[in-house]
Amino acid sequence: MKHNQSQNSQQYNTHAIQIAPNAKDLKAQSLHVLRQAFDASKQAGTVKKVVIKGQ
């Protein structure tokens, strides 16, 4: 089987997302997906201003 890593890196890895057994894991997975989406938006030039409140 042939895998194209460069193409896959631009897509969200939805296959790796599973129901987390606890809230901490679920939060970590959610943040990972949001980070991927944010990075993709930055690369596409659709992010103009970033405001982060609280943690």
Protein backbone atom coordinates (compact mmCIF):
# COMPACT_ATOMS: atom_id res chain seq x y z
CA MET A 1 0.00 0.00 0.00
CA LYS A 2 1.18 3.48 -0.82
CA HIS A 3 0.60 6.35 1.59
CA ASN A 4 0.90 10.00 0.64
CA GLN A 5 1.97 11.71 3.87
CA SER A 6 2.13 15.22 2.42
CA GLN A 7 -1.47 15.06 1.27
CA ASN A 8 -2.71 13.54 4.53
CA SER A 9 -1.03 16.25 6.61
CA GLN A 10 -3.33 18.85 5.05
CA GLN A 11 -6.48 16.94 5.99
CA TYR A 12 -8.05 16.42 9.37
CA ASN A 13 -7.26 13.01 10.80
CA THR A 14 -10.83 12.08 11.66
CA HIS A 15 -9.97 8.38 11.78
CA ALA A 16 -7.75 8.99 14.80
CA ILE A 17 -10.57 10.63 16.74
CA GLN A 18 -12.36 8.20 19.02
CA ILE A 19 -14.67 8.55 21.98
CA ALA A 20 -12.38 9.37 24.88
CA PRO A 21 -12.78 7.34 28.09
CA ASN A 22 -12.55 10.47 30.22
CA ALA A 23 -12.94 14.23 29.97
CA LYS A 24 -9.20 14.94 30.04
CA ASP A 25 -8.56 12.80 26.97
CA LEU A 26 -11.59 14.26 25.22
CA LYS A 27 -10.34 17.80 25.88
CA ALA A 28 -6.88 16.92 24.56
CA GLN A 29 -8.37 15.44 21.39
CA SER A 30 -10.65 18.44 20.92
CA LEU A 31 -7.76 20.89 21.31
CA HIS A 32 -5.71 18.87 18.82
CA VAL A 33 -8.49 19.06 16.20
CA LEU A 34 -9.02 22.77 16.84
CA ARG A 35 -5.27 23.35 16.47
CA GLN A 36 -5.30 21.54 13.12
CA ALA A 37 -8.23 23.65 11.94
CA PHE A 38 -6.59 26.86 13.13
CA ASP A 39 -3.27 26.03 11.46
CA ALA A 40 -5.08 25.22 8.21
CA SER A 41 -6.92 28.54 8.41
CA LYS A 42 -3.66 30.42 8.98
CA GLN A 43 -2.09 28.73 5.95
CA ALA A 44 -5.14 29.59 3.85
CA GLY A 45 -4.94 33.21 4.99
CA THR A 46 -8.45 33.23 6.43
CA VAL A 47 -7.35 34.17 9.96
CA LYS A 48 -7.11 37.93 10.41
CA LYS A 49 -6.98 38.42 14.17
CA VAL A 50 -6.55 36.00 17.04
CA VAL A 51 -7.90 36.67 20.51
CA ILE A 52 -7.45 34.06 23.21
CA LYS A 53 -9.33 34.57 26.47
CA GLY A 54 -8.80 32.30 29.46
CA GLN A 55 -7.56 28.75 29.45
